[in-house]
Structure formats: C-alpha cells, structure tokens
Amino acid sequence: MNYVTIPTAHNAAPPFTGRHHNCFAVAGIAVGVSGDTPQSVDLGPQLQAFTTASALTDIEVRVEWKPSLMPCAARELFHSGCVWSVHESGNQFVFDFVTARLGHQPYKRLLVDKNFRCATVLLNRQCLVPEDESRALEYPLDELLITHYLSLGVGVELHACGLIDAHGDAFLFAGHSGSGKTTTARLWSRHVPIHVLSDDRMILRKQDDHFLMHGTPWHGEAAFALPESAPVRRIFLLEHGVENRIQHVSRGAAAGELLARSFTPFYASRFVEPVLALLEELAASIPCYRFQFLPDQSAVEKILGFRD
C-alpha cells in the first residue's frame, strides 16, 4: 500500500536546549520535546506510534518544573468547561490546566508564542509528583498545540473517521459526536480489509494540488490510530438513518458543514478565517455527500458501490 507523507517545514522552529530530546509528528507536523530528564521527554503510549527521528521541527517544546503556579491573571480568551483555559499575555498565549482533584492551582501550564512554534510546559510541584513528569504532553495539551498550529493556515482537524482499503483508496467520514464514526470504523474492519487511521479525529492538509487526510493519536472508543495518510477523493457526512442514502451537498453548504465538525479555536478570528478559507477551497475541489446509514454490512456495500 502506498501512503503519502507531508514533509516537515523547512523553516524549522529554533530548538530548545536540554539534556534529553524526543520528537513526534502528526500530519507531517514535527514536534520536538526537550527536558533535563528522560521522563520529561517521554511521549507516553498515545504518541508512541507517532515518534519520529526528524531533525527539523515545526514546534519546539521545553518541559520544566516550577515550585508553584498561581492562576493566570491575564485576560481569559476561552474556558473549555473542562480542565483547560486559554489567556492572552503580551506576545504569548497561556493555557492553564486545572482539576479539582489536584486543587485550585494549575497543575500544568503551557506558554506558547502566537505562531505556535515555541512552547514551554511548566509542571507544578505542589500538585504533581516526580513520576508525573512523563505526563507533560498528556492529552489535551498535545492536541491543543497541533490544532492551533493547523488553524494558522496549515490545515484543519475534523471530527472524522478515516479508512484506507487494500487498494489504497481512501474513505473519509466526518460526523458530530454520536453520529457513527466508531460504528463505521468497526463495520468496515469487520467486513473489508482496511486500515483505520482514526475512528474519531482526522487532519486534512493540502499538498501541491491535492488534499491529504492524516491519522491522529486522538482516537475514539475503538482506539484506532495510525500515523498514515492518503489523498481525499470524497467526503461523507455521517448521520444515522432508516435506510442507506447518499445525497450530494452543495459547495457552499459543505464548507459550513465541515466547519461545524472541525476542531477550530473559535474564540479568535485569526484561527477561524484561515480554516474557513481552507474548507472553502476543499469543498470546491472535493465532492461532499450526506450519508444516512444503517449500522450493518449494507452501509459498507452502499459506499463501495457508489459512483459520483
């Protein structure tokens, strides 16, 4: 099977100094991690398959300990409603990670420049023990770095399931939570020789004159995650239905539908506008269909037998 890989940026991020270094890549975006101990650059099981030996990196991350971390006093731009919030402080963004289980202080902080090229992860000694150092990049921090970097005109992350069959043909199914992405991945895996790149989150990037879909580490409940990529030929918007039905979506509607299924940082227009422009270009060059499906083998056969 022939897969396509996007090279990392030629304008590499300036490296941080550190006794230890590691690197992972998602959708051709290479992230270097530096620290003073082997544990500080541990990528963890989720990123292990995405490890790379790339000498050039797009994003550089330094991991450090701090005696304590007070809540960020800078202007809050967005609160996720979960563990993280983002603030704007001078020429950088500050992401604070807080959970009641560890107290009211941020247990971890991400400082990053506004181009998302150079970042520092600060670990709070009052909340964490030395063994926690290996969790510096733990989700959602790793995804936040990639998603924001993508949103500056590099690509887009979608709620989607991505499949590649034995002939190298790619199938991309985008859907909201609960629309059937994991169900689709399991159905195809059961009935067709297939590689599932992700059952929940895919990245789209343009290379030359075509778009590629890339697997990510941030999988769904079926835990499908592969660091592979392939050209996108069609996009299907998943919906549960009473029958298997495929309906063409217009160019204008497709961009909006995909934006609604994207992991775009909607709190700032500087992220939204490049993503929307990319999706409009994508919708102009790749056909998009609404796919209402039944959760059985007939859904697989419907797609395999479909012709534009």
Foldseek 3Di string as FASTA:
>chain_A
DDFDADAADPPFFDEDDAPDKWWFDFRNAIEIEHEHDPLLHQPDPLRVQRTDPDPGHQAYEYEEEDQFAAPDPAAWLDDPVAFWTWHDDPQWIKIFGDDPVQHDGGQKIWIAGQLLHYIYIYGHPSRDDPNCSNCSCPPPNVVVSVQSNCLLQFWFKFQWKWKAAPVRDIAIEGEDPPLQLQLVVVQCVVPGRMQIQASTMWIWGDDDHFIKIARHSDHDPVRRHHGTIGTDAEYEYGHADPAWDKAWDALVVQLVVRLVRTPFPVSDVSRVVSHSVVSSVVSVPHTYIYTHHDSHNVNVVCVVPDDD
